[in-house]
Amino acid sequence: IAEETDGYVGADLENLAREAAMLALRDSMEVKEVKKKYFDEALKKVRASVGKGDVERYRKVEEQYLRSAKAALVKDASYLG
């Protein structure tokens, strides 16, 4: 399951588990465990809330922030008071 849920955050995994459990219960109210087949079926419905494009945008924003923060540190380091 971990290999199939790259990019999923905690809430996404919670939704996946909940959906898998609901699928198992629909098959039988007597179910004692949620098998992988239910997770596989749930994966068809539950998607990651953060897409690869979002991750790339966040990475670029982080890079810009780090560059500006580093520049500010260098500028402040030259101040002798």
Protein backbone atom coordinates (compact mmCIF):
# COMPACT_ATOMS: atom_id res chain seq x y z
CA ILE A 1 0.00 0.00 0.00
CA ALA A 2 2.86 2.39 0.82
CA GLU A 3 4.24 2.10 -2.71
CA GLU A 4 0.82 2.93 -4.15
CA THR A 5 0.19 5.98 -1.96
CA ASP A 6 3.17 8.17 -2.78
CA GLY A 7 2.12 11.77 -2.24
CA TYR A 8 -0.72 10.92 0.13
CA VAL A 9 -0.85 12.90 3.36
CA GLY A 10 -2.23 11.64 6.67
CA ALA A 11 -5.78 12.72 5.91
CA ASP A 12 -5.63 10.98 2.52
CA LEU A 13 -4.50 7.74 4.17
CA GLU A 14 -7.27 8.07 6.73
CA ASN A 15 -9.81 8.48 3.92
CA LEU A 16 -8.33 5.48 2.13
CA ALA A 17 -8.61 3.29 5.24
CA ARG A 18 -12.15 4.47 5.89
CA GLU A 19 -13.21 3.76 2.31
CA ALA A 20 -11.59 0.30 2.40
CA ALA A 21 -13.42 -0.46 5.65
CA MET A 22 -16.74 0.66 4.16
CA LEU A 23 -16.19 -1.56 1.13
CA ALA A 24 -15.44 -4.52 3.39
CA LEU A 25 -18.57 -3.85 5.46
CA ARG A 26 -20.69 -3.65 2.32
CA ASP A 27 -19.54 -7.16 1.46
CA SER A 28 -20.30 -8.47 4.93
CA MET A 29 -21.31 -6.86 8.20
CA GLU A 30 -19.50 -9.75 9.91
CA VAL A 31 -16.09 -8.80 8.49
CA LYS A 32 -13.25 -9.00 11.02
CA GLU A 33 -10.43 -7.54 8.93
CA VAL A 34 -9.98 -5.25 5.95
CA LYS A 35 -8.06 -7.12 3.29
CA LYS A 36 -5.82 -5.64 0.62
CA LYS A 37 -8.44 -6.17 -2.08
CA TYR A 38 -10.57 -3.53 -0.35
CA PHE A 39 -7.65 -1.13 -0.24
CA ASP A 40 -7.01 -1.76 -3.92
CA GLU A 41 -10.63 -0.92 -4.67
CA ALA A 42 -10.52 2.14 -2.40
CA LEU A 43 -7.43 3.40 -4.24
CA LYS A 44 -9.60 3.76 -7.33
CA LYS A 45 -11.72 6.32 -5.46
CA VAL A 46 -9.38 8.06 -3.02
CA ARG A 47 -6.68 10.24 -4.55
CA ALA A 48 -3.84 12.24 -3.04
CA SER A 49 -4.95 15.72 -2.09
CA VAL A 50 -1.60 17.19 -3.15
CA GLY A 51 -0.66 16.57 -6.77
CA LYS A 52 2.81 16.38 -8.28
CA GLY A 53 2.34 19.84 -9.78
CA ASP A 54 1.56 21.21 -6.32
CA VAL A 55 4.70 19.62 -4.89
CA GLU A 56 6.79 21.21 -7.64
CA ARG A 57 5.26 24.64 -6.99
CA TYR A 58 5.92 24.30 -3.25
CA ARG A 59 9.51 23.27 -3.97
CA LYS A 60 10.04 26.39 -6.10
CA VAL A 61 8.54 28.64 -3.43
CA GLU A 62 10.79 27.03 -0.84
CA GLU A 63 13.87 27.58 -3.03
CA GLN A 64 12.98 31.25 -3.50
CA TYR A 65 12.40 31.70 0.21
CA LEU A 66 15.69 30.04 1.12
CA ARG A 67 17.59 32.19 -1.39
CA SER A 68 16.07 35.39 -0.01
CA ALA A 69 16.60 34.27 3.60
CA LYS A 70 20.23 33.43 2.86
CA ALA A 71 20.72 36.82 1.20
CA ALA A 72 19.22 38.55 4.24
CA LEU A 73 21.56 36.65 6.56
CA VAL A 74 24.60 37.64 4.53
CA LYS A 75 23.46 41.28 4.52
CA ASP A 76 22.89 41.25 8.30
CA ALA A 77 26.25 39.57 8.93
CA SER A 78 28.08 42.55 7.46
CA TYR A 79 26.46 44.96 9.91
CA LEU A 80 28.95 46.02 12.55
CA GLY A 81 26.67 48.22 14.64
